[in-house]
Amino acid sequence: MTEQLTALETGDALVSSKELQIKGHAVVGQELVLTEGTLCLLKALCKQFAPVVPDLLANRQAKQERIDSGELPDFLEETKEIRQRDWQIRGIPEDLQDRRVEITGPVERKMVINALNANAKVFMADFEDSLAPSWQKVVQGQINLRDAVNGDISYTAPDTGKHYSLNNNPAVLTCRVRGLHMQEKHVQFDGVAIPACLFDFCVYFYNNYRKLLSQGSGPYFYIPKLESHLEAKWWAQVFAFVEARFCLQPGTIKCTCLIETLPAVFEMDEILYELRSNIVALNCGRWDYIFSYIKTLNNHSDRVLPDRTSVTMDKPFLSAYSRLLIKTCHKRGALAMGGMAAFIPAKDAELNQQVLDKVKQDKQLEARNGHDGTWVAHPGLADTAMAIFNEYIGEDHINQRHITCDVDAPIHARDLLEPAKGACTEAGMRLNIRIALQYIESWINGNGCVPIYGLMEDAATAEISRTSIWQWIKHRQQLTSGGVVTKALFKKMLVEELAHVKDEVGADRFTRGSFTQAAVLLEQITISDELVDFLTEPGYQLLVE
């Protein structure tokens, strides 16, 4: 242990095993979470499960190639029996049965405290889309969650001296790990960067499971960006392996899976089935889902989406997605979580009322459909969302699992793929460019959760912005103004909107920032002949450490 801590403190390669090496610089306090036990478990997980990840990602690519060739996503014939049989998930712990409002956010210390203190039932601490995963932030985030579980987390703002600490009865803590496609380049196993999701899962589990269980809670996780039930099966094997290793009852680890990719919506029953011992809910990750709709159907000219602002949850393909998720979850005894309210409160009273009205409308639709809860990105919206779900859930229930949707008409593949009607405008394209520019600039400087034009943007919403333009270029989409979207038009607009952003943020902020670097990356991934899967992958190479 002494030898190991010496290596950790100096930032040298990890010494406890020649197979597992930490390449990241030393982070103050990392010995609290990168313990000998943690790293021993991480080594075992990498040895057992990391070799399978390339095959799972290759399956994604093979499916995408079939869709690019003209095939449309559909329910799987080979798993039809699973969809038709009667079965239920293992069960839901008491502290996860009432999830009518969840708040999400990155794992920064002040954010963790404010989110746990918010008027929400659950806080999803996010190592994924709202965190730019520098080594410093990833390790510090794990320290912050450990302190939160122990109940002694606090923070004093250096500029104001304001002190933050946990209130009594904080929200239930869940941890969202990074997606299967992301690597943690600062940790290598046998000379290869390890899957980031295994690092996030292992460090959070090992450092917190005993304390959480002693408090009557447990190690709870959010799993993002699944694309098939085979990936869910991989996670089920990871959970079972860890439960057996630590002599825990099967099903001790609990997870919620985000259905935020188009391929996954056709395998929700199968995902629930593979994870039936551990899963408690599915979630409508709507922003990533819209991004995935564009990405998956990028080669289909009849499925081009209109302006991002017009792609709302009342669009037929999104309504079908929400209703099918509810129907599937409730049939299997799982909770069906709604999506994100990305709005943030405004200081102007009249403008803030408009924000609250939009949030109300959105949450009423979710609650009326039968969702058991919803997401907010800001504590200031929690009361509004809570009031709506209180009204729909009523005093006699803690969720809406009793709404079975059995009498609803069947939802077919064509309903989930129905093209969305709406205008493609120059204003919409320019807005996409400005949002993507500002988000990428913030992300490569270490901030993955950015307020832009009244919305809390994360990687998912930036992905919509840049893939929408890519698709418009590919299919030479005509704008309402009459112009045709081409690479040349995009480049011209990019120069103009970069100047617009400079005016908005000010010359000093623009000079100190990385806006030109962000513009270069945005241009590269937007005019590429092949659609870049995730902007965070090339962005990860530019991320300021």
Protein backbone atom coordinates (compact mmCIF):
# COMPACT_ATOMS: atom_id res chain seq x y z
CA MET A 1 0.00 0.00 0.00
CA THR A 2 2.83 2.40 0.85
CA GLU A 3 4.49 1.67 -2.48
CA GLN A 4 1.20 2.29 -4.27
CA LEU A 5 0.49 5.59 -2.54
CA THR A 6 3.97 6.82 -3.34
CA ALA A 7 3.32 6.25 -7.02
CA LEU A 8 -0.08 7.90 -6.82
CA GLU A 9 1.30 10.96 -5.10
CA THR A 10 4.05 11.43 -7.67
CA GLY A 11 1.83 10.69 -10.64
CA ASP A 12 4.12 7.86 -11.79
CA ALA A 13 2.82 4.65 -13.33
CA LEU A 14 0.83 2.59 -10.87
CA VAL A 15 3.06 0.20 -9.01
CA SER A 16 0.65 -2.33 -7.52
CA SER A 17 0.42 -4.11 -10.89
CA LYS A 18 2.43 -3.99 -14.09
CA GLU A 19 -0.84 -4.54 -15.96
CA LEU A 20 -2.69 -1.47 -14.60
CA GLN A 21 -1.08 1.93 -14.95
CA ILE A 22 -2.28 5.41 -14.02
CA LYS A 23 -0.96 7.96 -16.47
CA GLY A 24 -2.78 10.99 -15.07
CA HIS A 25 -1.02 13.63 -13.01
CA ALA A 26 -1.37 13.52 -9.25
CA VAL A 27 -4.63 15.01 -7.97
CA VAL A 28 -4.83 16.28 -4.40
CA GLY A 29 -6.73 13.74 -2.30
CA GLN A 30 -6.76 10.99 -4.92
CA GLU A 31 -5.45 8.49 -2.37
CA LEU A 32 -8.88 8.70 -0.73
CA VAL A 33 -10.58 7.08 -3.72
CA LEU A 34 -7.81 5.39 -5.71
CA THR A 35 -7.12 2.98 -2.89
CA GLU A 36 -5.49 -0.42 -3.11
CA GLY A 37 -8.88 -2.11 -2.95
CA THR A 38 -10.33 0.14 -5.64
CA LEU A 39 -7.47 -0.55 -8.02
CA CYS A 40 -7.53 -4.27 -7.32
CA LEU A 41 -11.21 -4.36 -8.32
CA LEU A 42 -10.53 -2.17 -11.36
CA LYS A 43 -7.83 -4.54 -12.53
CA ALA A 44 -10.20 -7.50 -12.19
CA LEU A 45 -12.96 -5.69 -14.09
CA CYS A 46 -10.62 -4.68 -16.89
CA LYS A 47 -9.23 -8.19 -17.21
CA GLN A 48 -12.70 -9.76 -17.32
CA PHE A 49 -14.78 -7.24 -19.25
CA ALA A 50 -12.66 -4.71 -21.18
CA PRO A 51 -11.81 -7.19 -23.98
CA VAL A 52 -15.50 -7.52 -24.87
CA VAL A 53 -16.09 -3.79 -25.44
CA PRO A 54 -14.54 -3.62 -28.95
CA ASP A 55 -16.89 -6.39 -30.07
CA LEU A 56 -19.91 -4.55 -28.69
CA LEU A 57 -18.84 -1.37 -30.48
CA ALA A 58 -18.26 -3.34 -33.67
CA ASN A 59 -21.85 -4.63 -33.41
CA ARG A 60 -23.01 -1.01 -33.34
CA GLN A 61 -21.03 -0.25 -36.46
CA ALA A 62 -22.33 -3.31 -38.30
CA LYS A 63 -25.92 -2.35 -37.53
CA GLN A 64 -25.28 1.22 -38.64
CA GLU A 65 -23.85 0.00 -41.95
CA ARG A 66 -27.03 -1.98 -42.61
CA ILE A 67 -29.15 1.09 -41.89
CA ASP A 68 -26.93 3.24 -44.09
CA SER A 69 -27.57 0.72 -46.86
CA GLY A 70 -31.32 1.22 -46.63
CA GLU A 71 -32.53 -1.00 -43.80
CA LEU A 72 -34.72 0.67 -41.19
CA PRO A 73 -34.55 -0.14 -37.46
CA ASP A 74 -37.20 -2.59 -36.26
CA PHE A 75 -38.09 -4.87 -33.38
CA LEU A 76 -35.93 -8.01 -33.31
CA GLU A 77 -37.48 -11.21 -34.59
CA GLU A 78 -35.01 -13.38 -32.66
CA THR A 79 -36.11 -11.95 -29.28
CA LYS A 80 -39.84 -11.94 -29.98
CA GLU A 81 -40.43 -14.53 -27.24
CA ILE A 82 -38.99 -12.20 -24.59
CA ARG A 83 -41.43 -9.47 -25.61
CA GLN A 84 -44.39 -11.85 -25.56
CA ARG A 85 -43.69 -13.68 -22.27
CA ASP A 86 -44.85 -12.55 -18.84
CA TRP A 87 -41.98 -11.64 -16.54
CA GLN A 88 -41.06 -8.85 -14.11
CA ILE A 89 -37.89 -7.16 -12.91
CA ARG A 90 -36.61 -8.27 -9.50
CA GLY A 91 -37.90 -5.21 -7.59
CA ILE A 92 -37.28 -1.61 -6.63
CA PRO A 93 -35.66 -0.51 -3.34
CA GLU A 94 -37.84 1.67 -1.14
CA ASP A 95 -35.74 4.80 -1.61
CA LEU A 96 -36.02 4.54 -5.41
CA GLN A 97 -39.77 4.02 -5.67
CA ASP A 98 -40.63 7.73 -5.51
CA ARG A 99 -38.66 9.55 -8.17
CA ARG A 100 -41.16 12.16 -9.26
CA VAL A 101 -38.45 14.81 -9.69
CA GLU A 102 -34.78 14.16 -10.33
CA ILE A 103 -32.11 16.80 -10.69
CA THR A 104 -29.02 16.22 -12.77
CA GLY A 105 -25.67 17.91 -12.99
CA PRO A 106 -21.90 17.49 -13.02
CA VAL A 107 -19.93 16.24 -10.04
CA GLU A 108 -18.40 19.57 -9.08
CA ARG A 109 -18.45 20.10 -5.32
CA LYS A 110 -20.82 23.08 -5.08
CA MET A 111 -23.17 21.52 -7.63
CA VAL A 112 -23.31 18.24 -5.71
CA ILE A 113 -24.32 20.05 -2.51
CA ASN A 114 -26.94 22.27 -4.17
CA ALA A 115 -28.44 19.36 -6.09
CA LEU A 116 -28.68 17.11 -3.03
CA ASN A 117 -30.35 19.99 -1.16
CA ALA A 118 -32.84 20.76 -3.96
CA ASN A 119 -36.55 19.91 -3.82
CA ALA A 120 -35.93 16.68 -5.71
CA LYS A 121 -36.18 13.01 -4.82
CA VAL A 122 -33.00 11.93 -6.64
CA PHE A 123 -29.78 13.57 -7.75
CA MET A 124 -28.05 12.05 -10.75
CA ALA A 125 -24.38 12.94 -10.36
CA ASP A 126 -23.05 12.99 -13.88
CA PHE A 127 -19.66 11.85 -15.16
CA GLU A 128 -21.05 11.82 -18.69
CA ASP A 129 -22.71 14.48 -20.86
CA SER A 130 -22.51 17.39 -18.42
CA LEU A 131 -18.88 16.80 -17.43
CA ALA A 132 -15.81 17.51 -19.53
CA PRO A 133 -13.75 14.56 -18.24
CA SER A 134 -10.35 16.00 -17.44
CA TRP A 135 -8.44 13.76 -15.04
CA GLN A 136 -8.65 16.45 -12.35
CA LYS A 137 -12.44 16.69 -12.62
CA VAL A 138 -13.01 12.94 -12.80
CA VAL A 139 -10.94 12.20 -9.70
CA GLN A 140 -12.20 15.23 -7.78
CA GLY A 141 -15.75 14.24 -8.70
CA GLN A 142 -15.25 10.83 -7.11
CA ILE A 143 -13.87 12.50 -3.97
CA ASN A 144 -16.91 14.80 -3.89
CA LEU A 145 -19.35 11.89 -4.12
CA ARG A 146 -17.48 9.98 -1.42
CA ASP A 147 -17.74 13.00 0.88
CA ALA A 148 -21.43 13.39 0.03
CA VAL A 149 -22.14 9.75 0.91
CA ASN A 150 -20.28 10.20 4.18
CA GLY A 151 -22.36 13.32 4.88
CA ASP A 152 -19.44 15.64 5.49
CA ILE A 153 -19.20 17.42 2.15
CA SER A 154 -18.91 21.22 2.33
CA TYR A 155 -17.72 24.07 0.15
CA THR A 156 -16.78 27.70 0.69
CA ALA A 157 -16.85 29.96 -2.37
CA PRO A 158 -13.43 31.64 -2.68
CA ASP A 159 -14.86 34.87 -4.14
CA THR A 160 -17.80 35.46 -1.78
CA GLY A 161 -16.95 33.36 1.27
CA LYS A 162 -20.43 31.77 1.10
CA HIS A 163 -20.52 28.36 2.77
CA TYR A 164 -22.40 25.36 1.42
CA SER A 165 -23.20 22.16 3.32
CA LEU A 166 -25.74 19.36 3.21
CA ASN A 167 -29.24 19.82 4.62
CA ASN A 168 -31.09 17.08 6.43
CA ASN A 169 -32.74 14.44 4.21
CA PRO A 170 -30.83 15.09 1.00
CA ALA A 171 -31.92 13.56 -2.29
CA VAL A 172 -31.04 9.95 -3.08
CA LEU A 173 -27.72 9.80 -4.89
CA THR A 174 -27.21 8.00 -8.21
CA CYS A 175 -24.09 8.03 -10.36
CA ARG A 176 -24.12 8.25 -14.17
CA VAL A 177 -21.03 6.67 -15.66
CA ARG A 178 -19.62 7.51 -19.07
CA GLY A 179 -20.81 5.74 -22.20
CA LEU A 180 -19.37 2.49 -23.50
CA HIS A 181 -17.63 4.29 -26.38
CA MET A 182 -15.53 6.54 -24.14
CA GLN A 183 -12.05 5.62 -22.95
CA GLU A 184 -10.25 6.83 -19.84
CA LYS A 185 -6.91 7.70 -21.38
CA HIS A 186 -5.32 8.36 -17.99
CA VAL A 187 -5.62 4.70 -16.94
CA GLN A 188 -4.23 1.82 -19.00
CA PHE A 189 -4.55 -1.93 -18.71
CA ASP A 190 -1.90 -3.89 -20.58
CA GLY A 191 -0.91 -0.68 -22.34
CA VAL A 192 -4.42 0.16 -23.61
CA ALA A 193 -6.72 2.91 -22.34
CA ILE A 194 -9.54 1.34 -20.32
CA PRO A 195 -13.30 1.79 -20.84
CA ALA A 196 -14.23 4.97 -18.95
CA CYS A 197 -17.47 3.41 -17.74
CA LEU A 198 -15.57 0.69 -15.86
CA PHE A 199 -13.42 3.30 -14.14
CA ASP A 200 -16.44 5.41 -13.10
CA PHE A 201 -18.43 2.40 -11.93
CA CYS A 202 -15.58 0.77 -10.03
CA VAL A 203 -14.37 3.85 -8.15
CA TYR A 204 -17.87 4.94 -7.11
CA PHE A 205 -18.96 1.43 -6.13
CA TYR A 206 -15.92 0.44 -4.12
CA ASN A 207 -15.64 3.66 -2.15
CA ASN A 208 -19.32 3.98 -1.28
CA TYR A 209 -21.22 0.68 -1.29
CA ARG A 210 -20.69 -0.16 2.39
CA LYS A 211 -21.76 3.26 3.63
CA LEU A 212 -24.74 3.43 1.27
CA LEU A 213 -26.00 0.01 2.34
CA SER A 214 -25.58 0.91 6.02
CA GLN A 215 -27.77 3.96 5.39
CA GLY A 216 -30.57 1.86 3.90
CA SER A 217 -29.71 2.90 0.36
CA GLY A 218 -27.36 1.26 -2.11
CA PRO A 219 -24.97 1.62 -5.04
CA TYR A 220 -27.25 3.10 -7.70
CA PHE A 221 -26.19 3.88 -11.26
CA TYR A 222 -27.42 5.48 -14.47
CA ILE A 223 -26.23 3.70 -17.63
CA PRO A 224 -26.16 5.91 -20.75
CA LYS A 225 -26.22 5.42 -24.51
CA LEU A 226 -27.02 1.72 -24.70
CA GLU A 227 -27.70 0.58 -28.25
CA SER A 228 -28.62 -3.07 -27.75
CA HIS A 229 -29.62 -5.72 -25.24
CA LEU A 230 -26.19 -7.30 -25.73
CA GLU A 231 -24.68 -4.21 -24.10
CA ALA A 232 -27.22 -4.52 -21.29
CA LYS A 233 -26.18 -8.16 -20.88
CA TRP A 234 -22.56 -7.03 -20.54
CA TRP A 235 -23.56 -4.65 -17.75
CA ALA A 236 -25.58 -7.42 -16.05
CA GLN A 237 -22.46 -9.58 -16.06
CA VAL A 238 -20.39 -6.73 -14.61
CA PHE A 239 -22.91 -6.26 -11.78
CA ALA A 240 -23.17 -10.00 -11.07
CA PHE A 241 -19.38 -10.33 -11.00
CA VAL A 242 -19.01 -7.52 -8.47
CA GLU A 243 -21.91 -8.71 -6.30
CA ALA A 244 -20.40 -12.20 -6.12
CA ARG A 245 -16.91 -10.85 -5.42
CA PHE A 246 -18.16 -8.86 -2.42
CA CYS A 247 -20.68 -11.47 -1.20
CA LEU A 248 -23.64 -9.19 -1.86
CA GLN A 249 -27.15 -10.41 -2.55
CA PRO A 250 -27.89 -10.60 -6.29
CA GLY A 251 -29.63 -7.40 -7.28
CA THR A 252 -27.91 -5.22 -4.65
CA ILE A 253 -26.52 -2.96 -7.35
CA LYS A 254 -29.37 -1.08 -9.03
CA CYS A 255 -29.39 0.80 -12.28
CA THR A 256 -31.55 2.96 -14.50
CA CYS A 257 -30.88 2.77 -18.22
CA LEU A 258 -31.30 5.76 -20.47
CA ILE A 259 -33.14 4.97 -23.68
CA GLU A 260 -31.46 7.70 -25.66
CA THR A 261 -30.51 5.96 -28.88
CA LEU A 262 -32.82 5.00 -31.71
CA PRO A 263 -31.60 1.38 -31.84
CA ALA A 264 -32.31 0.91 -28.12
CA VAL A 265 -35.97 1.95 -28.36
CA PHE A 266 -36.61 -1.24 -30.33
CA GLU A 267 -35.01 -3.38 -27.60
CA MET A 268 -36.47 -1.98 -24.38
CA ASP A 269 -38.07 -5.26 -23.31
CA GLU A 270 -34.84 -7.09 -24.00
CA ILE A 271 -32.75 -4.52 -22.08
CA LEU A 272 -35.05 -4.84 -19.08
CA TYR A 273 -34.90 -8.64 -19.36
CA GLU A 274 -31.11 -8.88 -19.48
CA LEU A 275 -30.79 -6.54 -16.49
CA ARG A 276 -33.89 -7.80 -14.67
CA SER A 277 -31.97 -8.55 -11.46
CA ASN A 278 -30.53 -5.03 -11.23
CA ILE A 279 -32.63 -2.61 -13.24
CA VAL A 280 -35.35 -0.42 -11.73
CA ALA A 281 -36.23 2.04 -14.51
CA LEU A 282 -35.78 3.30 -18.02
CA ASN A 283 -35.43 6.99 -18.80
CA CYS A 284 -36.37 9.05 -21.86
CA GLY A 285 -33.07 10.75 -22.63
CA ARG A 286 -34.79 12.93 -25.18
CA TRP A 287 -31.94 15.17 -26.33
CA ASP A 288 -29.56 12.32 -27.01
CA TYR A 289 -32.46 10.46 -28.61
CA ILE A 290 -33.02 13.27 -31.12
CA PHE A 291 -29.27 13.29 -31.81
CA SER A 292 -29.37 9.51 -32.30
CA TYR A 293 -32.36 9.78 -34.66
CA ILE A 294 -30.29 12.11 -36.87
CA LYS A 295 -27.15 9.98 -36.59
CA THR A 296 -28.82 6.61 -37.14
CA LEU A 297 -30.92 7.76 -40.10
CA ASN A 298 -28.29 10.10 -41.52
CA ASN A 299 -28.35 8.41 -44.92
CA HIS A 300 -32.14 8.54 -45.29
CA SER A 301 -33.12 11.73 -47.10
CA ASP A 302 -36.78 11.36 -46.11
CA ARG A 303 -35.94 11.51 -42.37
CA VAL A 304 -34.18 14.88 -42.18
CA LEU A 305 -35.18 16.78 -39.05
CA PRO A 306 -36.24 20.46 -39.15
CA ASP A 307 -34.97 23.26 -36.89
CA ARG A 308 -33.99 21.95 -33.48
CA THR A 309 -36.38 24.33 -31.70
CA SER A 310 -39.36 22.76 -33.46
CA VAL A 311 -38.48 19.15 -32.55
CA THR A 312 -40.57 18.96 -29.39
CA MET A 313 -42.03 16.03 -27.49
CA ASP A 314 -45.42 16.40 -29.19
CA LYS A 315 -43.86 15.37 -32.51
CA PRO A 316 -45.33 11.95 -33.42
CA PHE A 317 -42.02 10.05 -33.37
CA LEU A 318 -41.12 11.44 -29.93
CA SER A 319 -44.60 10.95 -28.51
CA ALA A 320 -44.52 7.31 -29.63
CA TYR A 321 -41.11 6.88 -27.98
CA SER A 322 -42.36 8.27 -24.66
CA ARG A 323 -45.57 6.22 -24.67
CA LEU A 324 -43.84 2.97 -25.63
CA LEU A 325 -41.27 3.40 -22.86
CA ILE A 326 -44.04 3.89 -20.29
CA LYS A 327 -46.01 0.91 -21.55
CA THR A 328 -42.96 -1.36 -21.59
CA CYS A 329 -41.68 -0.33 -18.16
CA HIS A 330 -44.99 -0.60 -16.35
CA LYS A 331 -45.70 -4.00 -17.89
CA ARG A 332 -42.43 -5.26 -16.39
CA GLY A 333 -42.75 -3.54 -12.99
CA ALA A 334 -40.15 -0.85 -13.74
CA LEU A 335 -40.39 2.92 -13.43
CA ALA A 336 -40.63 5.08 -16.55
CA MET A 337 -38.72 8.32 -16.15
CA GLY A 338 -39.36 11.40 -18.27
CA GLY A 339 -36.83 13.68 -19.87
CA MET A 340 -34.91 16.84 -19.19
CA ALA A 341 -36.25 20.35 -18.76
CA ALA A 342 -33.19 22.16 -20.08
CA PHE A 343 -34.53 25.62 -19.28
CA ILE A 344 -32.90 27.72 -16.58
CA PRO A 345 -34.66 30.43 -14.54
CA ALA A 346 -34.41 33.99 -15.82
CA LYS A 347 -33.77 37.05 -13.65
CA ASP A 348 -36.45 39.08 -15.44
CA ALA A 349 -39.83 38.25 -13.87
CA GLU A 350 -41.80 38.28 -17.13
CA LEU A 351 -39.22 36.17 -18.95
CA ASN A 352 -39.00 33.78 -16.01
CA GLN A 353 -42.76 33.27 -16.10
CA GLN A 354 -42.45 32.29 -19.75
CA VAL A 355 -39.79 29.75 -18.78
CA LEU A 356 -41.99 28.30 -16.04
CA ASP A 357 -44.95 28.09 -18.41
CA LYS A 358 -42.89 26.11 -20.92
CA VAL A 359 -41.67 23.78 -18.18
CA LYS A 360 -45.22 23.26 -16.94
CA GLN A 361 -46.47 22.41 -20.42
CA ASP A 362 -43.66 19.92 -20.95
CA LYS A 363 -44.04 18.23 -17.56
CA GLN A 364 -47.82 18.06 -17.82
CA LEU A 365 -47.43 16.13 -21.07
CA GLU A 366 -45.06 13.67 -19.42
CA ALA A 367 -47.21 13.22 -16.32
CA ARG A 368 -50.37 12.83 -18.39
CA ASN A 369 -48.68 10.15 -20.52
CA GLY A 370 -47.92 8.20 -17.33
CA HIS A 371 -44.28 8.90 -16.55
CA ASP A 372 -43.28 8.27 -12.94
CA GLY A 373 -40.99 11.26 -12.73
CA THR A 374 -38.96 13.76 -14.66
CA TRP A 375 -35.64 15.58 -14.87
CA VAL A 376 -34.69 19.18 -14.23
CA ALA A 377 -31.28 20.77 -14.76
CA HIS A 378 -31.66 23.62 -12.25
CA PRO A 379 -32.87 23.68 -8.63
CA GLY A 380 -35.07 26.67 -9.51
CA LEU A 381 -37.31 24.45 -11.64
CA ALA A 382 -37.73 21.64 -9.10
CA ASP A 383 -40.77 23.16 -7.37
CA THR A 384 -42.63 23.60 -10.66
CA ALA A 385 -41.97 20.03 -11.76
CA MET A 386 -42.78 18.67 -8.30
CA ALA A 387 -46.16 20.41 -8.18
CA ILE A 388 -47.20 18.90 -11.51
CA PHE A 389 -46.20 15.34 -10.64
CA ASN A 390 -47.77 15.66 -7.18
CA GLU A 391 -51.02 16.55 -8.90
CA TYR A 392 -50.96 13.64 -11.34
CA ILE A 393 -49.60 11.00 -8.95
CA GLY A 394 -52.02 11.99 -6.18
CA GLU A 395 -51.95 11.21 -2.50
CA ASP A 396 -52.66 7.50 -2.84
CA HIS A 397 -49.58 6.64 -4.90
CA ILE A 398 -45.86 7.36 -5.03
CA ASN A 399 -45.49 6.71 -8.75
CA GLN A 400 -47.67 5.86 -11.74
CA ARG A 401 -46.76 2.21 -12.27
CA HIS A 402 -50.44 1.38 -11.92
CA ILE A 403 -51.01 3.02 -15.32
CA THR A 404 -50.58 0.01 -17.60
CA CYS A 405 -51.47 1.53 -20.99
CA ASP A 406 -52.99 -1.87 -21.88
CA VAL A 407 -55.85 -0.30 -23.78
CA ASP A 408 -53.57 1.95 -25.86
CA ALA A 409 -53.16 1.17 -29.53
CA PRO A 410 -49.99 -0.78 -30.38
CA ILE A 411 -46.94 1.31 -31.24
CA HIS A 412 -45.25 0.10 -34.40
CA ALA A 413 -41.82 0.71 -35.87
CA ARG A 414 -43.29 3.18 -38.36
CA ASP A 415 -44.59 5.30 -35.46
CA LEU A 416 -41.09 5.52 -33.96
CA LEU A 417 -39.58 6.47 -37.31
CA GLU A 418 -42.19 8.90 -38.59
CA PRO A 419 -40.54 11.92 -40.19
CA ALA A 420 -40.96 15.19 -38.30
CA LYS A 421 -42.55 18.08 -40.13
CA GLY A 422 -41.20 21.59 -39.78
CA ALA A 423 -39.15 24.31 -41.39
CA CYS A 424 -35.43 24.34 -42.01
CA THR A 425 -34.42 27.97 -41.62
CA GLU A 426 -31.29 30.06 -41.93
CA ALA A 427 -31.92 31.40 -38.42
CA GLY A 428 -32.08 27.84 -37.10
CA MET A 429 -28.82 26.92 -38.80
CA ARG A 430 -27.06 30.00 -37.48
CA LEU A 431 -28.36 29.29 -33.97
CA ASN A 432 -27.01 25.74 -34.19
CA ILE A 433 -23.59 27.10 -35.16
CA ARG A 434 -23.48 29.57 -32.26
CA ILE A 435 -24.61 26.97 -29.73
CA ALA A 436 -22.11 24.37 -30.95
CA LEU A 437 -19.28 26.93 -31.02
CA GLN A 438 -19.87 28.12 -27.48
CA TYR A 439 -20.42 24.63 -26.11
CA ILE A 440 -17.31 23.12 -27.71
CA GLU A 441 -15.23 26.07 -26.50
CA SER A 442 -16.43 25.52 -22.95
CA TRP A 443 -16.04 21.74 -23.16
CA ILE A 444 -12.42 21.74 -24.29
CA ASN A 445 -11.70 24.14 -21.42
CA GLY A 446 -13.18 21.71 -18.91
CA ASN A 447 -16.80 22.84 -18.55
CA GLY A 448 -19.37 20.36 -19.85
CA CYS A 449 -22.53 22.06 -18.56
CA VAL A 450 -23.05 25.49 -20.11
CA PRO A 451 -25.93 28.01 -19.94
CA ILE A 452 -26.50 29.32 -23.48
CA TYR A 453 -29.49 31.44 -24.54
CA GLY A 454 -31.60 30.41 -21.55
CA LEU A 455 -30.95 26.67 -21.80
CA MET A 456 -28.55 24.46 -19.87
CA GLU A 457 -26.64 22.88 -22.73
CA ASP A 458 -24.71 19.65 -22.39
CA ALA A 459 -23.04 17.39 -24.92
CA ALA A 460 -26.35 15.98 -26.15
CA THR A 461 -27.82 19.30 -27.21
CA ALA A 462 -24.56 20.35 -28.87
CA GLU A 463 -24.58 17.04 -30.74
CA ILE A 464 -28.03 17.85 -32.15
CA SER A 465 -26.78 21.22 -33.35
CA ARG A 466 -23.78 19.96 -35.30
CA THR A 467 -25.30 16.70 -36.68
CA SER A 468 -28.37 18.57 -37.89
CA ILE A 469 -26.17 20.83 -40.02
CA TRP A 470 -24.15 17.81 -41.22
CA GLN A 471 -27.37 16.10 -42.36
CA TRP A 472 -28.62 19.26 -44.08
CA ILE A 473 -25.32 19.47 -45.98
CA LYS A 474 -25.41 15.79 -46.96
CA HIS A 475 -28.91 16.02 -48.42
CA ARG A 476 -28.57 19.57 -49.78
CA GLN A 477 -31.49 20.73 -47.66
CA GLN A 478 -33.27 23.81 -48.94
CA LEU A 479 -33.82 26.56 -46.40
CA THR A 480 -37.03 28.57 -46.23
CA SER A 481 -35.01 31.55 -47.43
CA GLY A 482 -34.35 29.67 -50.67
CA GLY A 483 -30.69 28.78 -50.22
CA VAL A 484 -29.35 25.23 -50.36
CA VAL A 485 -27.18 24.05 -47.47
CA THR A 486 -23.68 23.21 -48.68
CA LYS A 487 -20.23 22.98 -47.13
CA ALA A 488 -19.42 26.39 -48.59
CA LEU A 489 -22.53 27.96 -47.08
CA PHE A 490 -21.72 26.43 -43.70
CA LYS A 491 -18.14 27.73 -43.80
CA LYS A 492 -19.39 31.21 -44.67
CA MET A 493 -21.91 31.15 -41.82
CA LEU A 494 -19.30 29.77 -39.42
CA VAL A 495 -17.03 32.78 -40.02
CA GLU A 496 -19.98 35.16 -39.58
CA GLU A 497 -21.29 33.46 -36.45
CA LEU A 498 -17.82 33.29 -34.91
CA ALA A 499 -17.74 37.10 -35.22
CA HIS A 500 -21.27 37.21 -33.76
CA VAL A 501 -20.15 35.15 -30.76
CA LYS A 502 -17.17 37.48 -30.30
CA ASP A 503 -19.57 40.41 -30.08
CA GLU A 504 -21.76 38.53 -27.59
CA VAL A 505 -19.03 37.41 -25.21
CA GLY A 506 -16.80 40.46 -25.61
CA ALA A 507 -13.33 40.84 -27.09
CA ASP A 508 -11.52 40.06 -23.83
CA ARG A 509 -13.39 36.81 -23.18
CA PHE A 510 -13.01 35.84 -26.83
CA THR A 511 -9.25 36.45 -26.78
CA ARG A 512 -8.74 34.53 -23.54
CA GLY A 513 -10.94 31.67 -24.74
CA SER A 514 -10.54 28.90 -27.30
CA PHE A 515 -13.24 29.96 -29.76
CA THR A 516 -11.01 29.72 -32.84
CA GLN A 517 -9.93 26.23 -31.79
CA ALA A 518 -13.59 25.31 -31.27
CA ALA A 519 -14.45 26.66 -34.72
CA VAL A 520 -11.73 24.52 -36.30
CA LEU A 521 -13.06 21.39 -34.60
CA LEU A 522 -16.66 22.24 -35.46
CA GLU A 523 -15.74 22.73 -39.11
CA GLN A 524 -13.81 19.46 -39.23
CA ILE A 525 -16.64 17.34 -37.83
CA THR A 526 -19.39 19.15 -39.74
CA ILE A 527 -17.93 18.99 -43.25
CA SER A 528 -16.48 15.49 -42.81
CA ASP A 529 -17.78 13.09 -45.46
CA GLU A 530 -18.40 10.50 -42.74
CA LEU A 531 -20.46 11.50 -39.73
CA VAL A 532 -18.30 11.65 -36.60
CA ASP A 533 -20.06 9.52 -33.98
CA PHE A 534 -19.48 11.78 -30.96
CA LEU A 535 -17.93 15.25 -30.81
CA THR A 536 -16.55 14.37 -27.36
CA GLU A 537 -14.14 11.84 -28.89
CA PRO A 538 -12.06 14.35 -30.92
CA GLY A 539 -12.81 16.93 -28.22
CA TYR A 540 -11.25 14.64 -25.60
CA GLN A 541 -7.90 14.99 -27.37
CA LEU A 542 -8.13 18.80 -27.01
CA LEU A 543 -9.44 18.85 -23.45
CA VAL A 544 -7.41 21.15 -21.25
CA GLU A 545 -6.03 19.20 -18.30
